[in-house]
Amino acid sequence: MASIDQLRSGQPMTTTRSNQGNVSSSTSGAAKNQQPTSLGGSKGDAVSLSTQGKAVGQIHQQLAAEPSFDSAKVAAIKDAISNGSYVVDAEKLASNMMKFEDELRGL
């Protein structure tokens, strides 16, 4: 069976079924140029992603490769907290909390 990563790679997945219910999948580069094969006279199913689906998959792969936070900024904040120089702007914090609540209400 094909994994979700194989589907995201943009390669078409060819699936064939025999009369006994066995399933075989092919996602190799060679599968792009081949017609679906059938076992025991059964018709094969083919799956391909749209251009938009492939683009979403590429964006997902790019985002997964990047760190989810700025480690340099985290280290700087940790240093500021440890040496006592970190100052919280209460007005800015309250404003951001209210903006976040407003965004949640809009969902």
N, C-alpha and C. Protein backbone atom coordinates (compact mmCIF):
# COMPACT_ATOMS: atom_id res chain seq x y z
N MET A 1 0.85 -1.17 0.00
CA MET A 1 0.00 0.00 0.00
C MET A 1 0.89 1.23 0.00
N ALA A 2 0.50 2.28 -0.69
CA ALA A 2 1.28 3.50 -0.80
C ALA A 2 1.13 4.33 0.47
N SER A 3 2.20 4.99 0.86
CA SER A 3 2.13 5.86 2.03
C SER A 3 1.74 7.26 1.59
N ILE A 4 1.36 8.10 2.54
CA ILE A 4 0.96 9.47 2.23
C ILE A 4 2.13 10.24 1.64
N ASP A 5 3.38 9.93 2.05
CA ASP A 5 4.55 10.61 1.51
C ASP A 5 4.71 10.32 0.03
N GLN A 6 4.38 9.09 -0.39
CA GLN A 6 4.47 8.76 -1.81
C GLN A 6 3.43 9.55 -2.59
N LEU A 7 2.26 9.76 -2.03
CA LEU A 7 1.24 10.54 -2.70
C LEU A 7 1.65 12.00 -2.79
N ARG A 8 2.30 12.52 -1.75
CA ARG A 8 2.72 13.92 -1.74
C ARG A 8 3.85 14.17 -2.73
N SER A 9 4.60 13.14 -3.09
CA SER A 9 5.73 13.34 -3.99
C SER A 9 5.28 13.66 -5.41
N GLY A 10 4.00 13.53 -5.70
CA GLY A 10 3.49 13.87 -7.01
C GLY A 10 3.53 12.72 -7.99
N GLN A 11 3.99 11.56 -7.56
CA GLN A 11 4.04 10.42 -8.45
C GLN A 11 2.67 9.76 -8.47
N PRO A 12 2.20 9.38 -9.67
CA PRO A 12 0.91 8.71 -9.71
C PRO A 12 1.00 7.33 -9.08
N MET A 13 -0.06 6.93 -8.46
CA MET A 13 -0.10 5.62 -7.83
C MET A 13 -1.03 4.74 -8.64
N THR A 14 -0.54 3.60 -9.07
CA THR A 14 -1.34 2.66 -9.82
C THR A 14 -1.68 1.49 -8.93
N THR A 15 -2.94 1.17 -8.85
CA THR A 15 -3.39 0.07 -8.01
C THR A 15 -4.16 -0.91 -8.86
N THR A 16 -3.83 -2.18 -8.72
CA THR A 16 -4.57 -3.21 -9.45
C THR A 16 -5.08 -4.24 -8.47
N ARG A 17 -6.21 -4.83 -8.82
CA ARG A 17 -6.80 -5.84 -7.94
C ARG A 17 -7.08 -7.09 -8.75
N SER A 18 -6.81 -8.21 -8.15
CA SER A 18 -7.13 -9.47 -8.81
C SER A 18 -8.49 -9.96 -8.32
N ASN A 19 -8.95 -11.03 -8.87
CA ASN A 19 -10.23 -11.58 -8.45
C ASN A 19 -10.20 -12.06 -7.00
N GLN A 20 -9.03 -12.38 -6.48
CA GLN A 20 -8.91 -12.85 -5.11
C GLN A 20 -8.86 -11.68 -4.12
N GLY A 21 -8.87 -10.43 -4.58
CA GLY A 21 -8.86 -9.29 -3.68
C GLY A 21 -7.47 -8.82 -3.30
N ASN A 22 -6.42 -9.40 -3.88
CA ASN A 22 -5.07 -8.94 -3.59
C ASN A 22 -4.85 -7.59 -4.25
N VAL A 23 -4.12 -6.70 -3.59
CA VAL A 23 -3.88 -5.37 -4.11
C VAL A 23 -2.39 -5.19 -4.28
N SER A 24 -1.98 -4.63 -5.41
CA SER A 24 -0.57 -4.29 -5.59
C SER A 24 -0.49 -2.85 -6.03
N SER A 25 0.52 -2.11 -5.54
CA SER A 25 0.67 -0.69 -5.85
C SER A 25 2.03 -0.45 -6.46
N SER A 26 2.10 0.54 -7.33
CA SER A 26 3.35 0.93 -7.94
C SER A 26 3.44 2.44 -7.93
N THR A 27 4.53 3.01 -7.37
CA THR A 27 4.70 4.46 -7.35
C THR A 27 6.08 4.83 -7.87
N SER A 28 6.70 3.98 -8.66
CA SER A 28 8.02 4.29 -9.18
C SER A 28 7.92 5.30 -10.30
N GLY A 29 9.05 5.91 -10.67
CA GLY A 29 9.08 6.85 -11.76
C GLY A 29 8.65 6.22 -13.06
N ALA A 30 8.88 4.94 -13.23
CA ALA A 30 8.49 4.25 -14.45
C ALA A 30 6.97 4.14 -14.55
N ALA A 31 6.27 4.21 -13.44
CA ALA A 31 4.82 4.08 -13.45
C ALA A 31 4.15 5.25 -14.13
N LYS A 32 4.86 6.39 -14.26
CA LYS A 32 4.28 7.56 -14.90
C LYS A 32 3.94 7.29 -16.36
N ASN A 33 4.74 6.49 -17.04
CA ASN A 33 4.57 6.27 -18.46
C ASN A 33 3.86 4.98 -18.78
N GLN A 34 3.44 4.23 -17.80
CA GLN A 34 2.81 2.94 -18.04
C GLN A 34 1.32 3.03 -17.82
N GLN A 35 0.58 2.24 -18.57
CA GLN A 35 -0.84 2.09 -18.35
C GLN A 35 -1.03 1.17 -17.16
N PRO A 36 -2.11 1.33 -16.41
CA PRO A 36 -2.37 0.41 -15.29
C PRO A 36 -2.46 -1.02 -15.81
N THR A 37 -1.81 -1.91 -15.11
CA THR A 37 -1.85 -3.31 -15.49
C THR A 37 -2.94 -4.00 -14.69
N SER A 38 -3.39 -5.11 -15.21
CA SER A 38 -4.42 -5.83 -14.49
C SER A 38 -3.99 -7.27 -14.29
N LEU A 39 -4.45 -7.82 -13.21
CA LEU A 39 -4.19 -9.22 -12.90
C LEU A 39 -5.48 -9.98 -13.06
N GLY A 40 -5.43 -11.09 -13.75
CA GLY A 40 -6.61 -11.93 -13.89
C GLY A 40 -7.75 -11.27 -14.64
N GLY A 41 -7.45 -10.30 -15.52
CA GLY A 41 -8.48 -9.68 -16.33
C GLY A 41 -9.23 -8.55 -15.64
N SER A 42 -8.88 -8.17 -14.42
CA SER A 42 -9.57 -7.08 -13.72
C SER A 42 -9.10 -5.74 -14.25
N LYS A 43 -9.94 -4.72 -14.12
CA LYS A 43 -9.56 -3.37 -14.49
C LYS A 43 -8.77 -2.74 -13.36
N GLY A 44 -7.79 -1.89 -13.69
CA GLY A 44 -6.96 -1.24 -12.67
C GLY A 44 -7.47 0.15 -12.34
N ASP A 45 -7.19 0.60 -11.16
CA ASP A 45 -7.53 1.94 -10.71
C ASP A 45 -6.27 2.78 -10.72
N ALA A 46 -6.36 4.03 -11.10
CA ALA A 46 -5.21 4.93 -11.08
C ALA A 46 -5.58 6.19 -10.30
N VAL A 47 -4.63 6.70 -9.54
CA VAL A 47 -4.84 7.90 -8.74
C VAL A 47 -3.75 8.89 -9.11
N SER A 48 -4.14 10.13 -9.37
CA SER A 48 -3.15 11.17 -9.60
C SER A 48 -3.64 12.44 -8.91
N LEU A 49 -2.69 13.28 -8.50
CA LEU A 49 -3.02 14.50 -7.79
C LEU A 49 -3.10 15.67 -8.77
N SER A 50 -3.96 16.63 -8.47
CA SER A 50 -4.06 17.82 -9.29
C SER A 50 -2.83 18.69 -9.07
N THR A 51 -2.69 19.70 -9.91
CA THR A 51 -1.57 20.62 -9.77
C THR A 51 -1.61 21.31 -8.41
N GLN A 52 -2.82 21.69 -7.97
CA GLN A 52 -2.95 22.34 -6.67
C GLN A 52 -2.58 21.38 -5.54
N GLY A 53 -2.97 20.13 -5.67
CA GLY A 53 -2.63 19.13 -4.66
C GLY A 53 -1.13 18.92 -4.56
N LYS A 54 -0.46 18.90 -5.71
CA LYS A 54 1.00 18.75 -5.72
C LYS A 54 1.66 19.97 -5.09
N ALA A 55 1.12 21.16 -5.37
CA ALA A 55 1.68 22.39 -4.79
C ALA A 55 1.55 22.39 -3.28
N VAL A 56 0.40 21.96 -2.78
CA VAL A 56 0.19 21.88 -1.33
C VAL A 56 1.18 20.89 -0.72
N GLY A 57 1.41 19.77 -1.38
CA GLY A 57 2.37 18.78 -0.90
C GLY A 57 3.78 19.34 -0.84
N GLN A 58 4.16 20.12 -1.86
CA GLN A 58 5.49 20.73 -1.86
C GLN A 58 5.63 21.76 -0.73
N ILE A 59 4.60 22.55 -0.51
CA ILE A 59 4.64 23.53 0.58
C ILE A 59 4.75 22.82 1.92
N HIS A 60 4.01 21.73 2.06
CA HIS A 60 4.07 20.96 3.31
C HIS A 60 5.48 20.43 3.54
N GLN A 61 6.11 19.91 2.51
CA GLN A 61 7.46 19.39 2.65
C GLN A 61 8.44 20.50 3.01
N GLN A 62 8.29 21.69 2.41
CA GLN A 62 9.17 22.80 2.73
C GLN A 62 9.00 23.24 4.18
N LEU A 63 7.76 23.33 4.62
CA LEU A 63 7.51 23.75 6.01
C LEU A 63 8.00 22.70 7.00
N ALA A 64 7.87 21.43 6.65
CA ALA A 64 8.33 20.37 7.54
C ALA A 64 9.85 20.38 7.67
N ALA A 65 10.55 20.86 6.65
CA ALA A 65 12.01 20.89 6.68
C ALA A 65 12.56 22.06 7.51
N GLU A 66 11.75 23.09 7.69
CA GLU A 66 12.19 24.27 8.45
C GLU A 66 11.87 24.10 9.93
N PRO A 67 12.70 24.68 10.80
CA PRO A 67 12.38 24.60 12.23
C PRO A 67 11.11 25.41 12.52
N SER A 68 10.35 24.98 13.50
CA SER A 68 9.08 25.63 13.80
C SER A 68 9.24 26.87 14.68
N PHE A 69 10.46 27.17 15.11
CA PHE A 69 10.69 28.36 15.92
C PHE A 69 12.11 28.86 15.66
N ASP A 70 12.35 30.11 16.05
CA ASP A 70 13.65 30.76 15.86
C ASP A 70 14.51 30.46 17.09
N SER A 71 15.42 29.50 16.96
CA SER A 71 16.22 29.07 18.11
C SER A 71 17.12 30.19 18.63
N ALA A 72 17.60 31.08 17.75
CA ALA A 72 18.43 32.19 18.20
C ALA A 72 17.62 33.16 19.07
N LYS A 73 16.37 33.40 18.67
CA LYS A 73 15.52 34.30 19.45
C LYS A 73 15.18 33.67 20.81
N VAL A 74 14.92 32.38 20.82
CA VAL A 74 14.64 31.68 22.08
C VAL A 74 15.84 31.75 23.01
N ALA A 75 17.03 31.54 22.47
CA ALA A 75 18.25 31.61 23.28
C ALA A 75 18.45 33.01 23.85
N ALA A 76 18.17 34.04 23.05
CA ALA A 76 18.32 35.42 23.53
C ALA A 76 17.33 35.73 24.65
N ILE A 77 16.11 35.25 24.51
CA ILE A 77 15.10 35.48 25.56
C ILE A 77 15.48 34.73 26.83
N LYS A 78 15.98 33.50 26.68
CA LYS A 78 16.42 32.74 27.87
C LYS A 78 17.54 33.47 28.60
N ASP A 79 18.48 34.01 27.83
CA ASP A 79 19.59 34.75 28.45
C ASP A 79 19.07 35.99 29.17
N ALA A 80 18.13 36.70 28.54
CA ALA A 80 17.58 37.91 29.16
C ALA A 80 16.82 37.58 30.43
N ILE A 81 16.09 36.48 30.42
CA ILE A 81 15.36 36.07 31.64
C ILE A 81 16.35 35.70 32.74
N SER A 82 17.39 34.95 32.38
CA SER A 82 18.34 34.48 33.40
C SER A 82 19.15 35.62 34.01
N ASN A 83 19.45 36.67 33.23
CA ASN A 83 20.23 37.78 33.82
C ASN A 83 19.34 38.92 34.32
N GLY A 84 18.00 38.75 34.22
CA GLY A 84 17.08 39.73 34.80
C GLY A 84 16.80 40.93 33.92
N SER A 85 17.23 40.92 32.68
CA SER A 85 17.01 42.09 31.82
C SER A 85 15.76 41.97 30.94
N TYR A 86 15.03 40.88 31.05
CA TYR A 86 13.83 40.70 30.23
C TYR A 86 12.68 41.49 30.85
N VAL A 87 12.07 42.36 30.05
CA VAL A 87 10.97 43.19 30.52
C VAL A 87 9.73 42.86 29.70
N VAL A 88 8.62 42.62 30.39
CA VAL A 88 7.35 42.33 29.72
C VAL A 88 6.58 43.64 29.57
N ASP A 89 6.18 43.94 28.34
CA ASP A 89 5.35 45.11 28.08
C ASP A 89 3.90 44.67 28.26
N ALA A 90 3.31 45.01 29.40
CA ALA A 90 1.97 44.55 29.77
C ALA A 90 0.92 45.04 28.78
N GLU A 91 1.04 46.27 28.29
CA GLU A 91 0.08 46.82 27.33
C GLU A 91 0.12 46.04 26.02
N LYS A 92 1.32 45.76 25.53
CA LYS A 92 1.46 45.02 24.28
C LYS A 92 0.95 43.59 24.44
N LEU A 93 1.23 42.98 25.57
CA LEU A 93 0.77 41.62 25.84
C LEU A 93 -0.76 41.57 25.87
N ALA A 94 -1.38 42.53 26.57
CA ALA A 94 -2.84 42.57 26.65
C ALA A 94 -3.45 42.81 25.27
N SER A 95 -2.84 43.70 24.50
CA SER A 95 -3.34 43.99 23.15
C SER A 95 -3.27 42.74 22.27
N ASN A 96 -2.18 42.02 22.33
CA ASN A 96 -2.03 40.80 21.54
C ASN A 96 -3.01 39.71 21.98
N MET A 97 -3.27 39.64 23.28
CA MET A 97 -4.24 38.66 23.77
C MET A 97 -5.64 38.98 23.25
N MET A 98 -6.00 40.27 23.25
CA MET A 98 -7.31 40.67 22.75
C MET A 98 -7.43 40.42 21.24
N LYS A 99 -6.36 40.69 20.51
CA LYS A 99 -6.37 40.44 19.07
C LYS A 99 -6.55 38.95 18.79
N PHE A 100 -5.88 38.12 19.58
CA PHE A 100 -6.00 36.67 19.42
C PHE A 100 -7.44 36.22 19.70
N GLU A 101 -8.05 36.74 20.76
CA GLU A 101 -9.43 36.40 21.09
C GLU A 101 -10.38 36.83 19.97
N ASP A 102 -10.15 38.00 19.40
CA ASP A 102 -10.98 38.47 18.29
C ASP A 102 -10.86 37.54 17.08
N GLU A 103 -9.65 37.08 16.81
CA GLU A 103 -9.43 36.15 15.69
C GLU A 103 -10.15 34.82 15.94
N LEU A 104 -10.15 34.36 17.19
CA LEU A 104 -10.84 33.12 17.51
C LEU A 104 -12.35 33.26 17.34
N ARG A 105 -12.87 34.42 17.69
CA ARG A 105 -14.31 34.64 17.53
C ARG A 105 -14.72 34.65 16.07
N GLY A 106 -13.81 35.06 15.19
CA GLY A 106 -14.10 35.12 13.77
C GLY A 106 -14.11 33.78 13.08
N LEU A 107 -13.68 32.73 13.78
CA LEU A 107 -13.63 31.41 13.14
C LEU A 107 -14.96 30.78 13.05
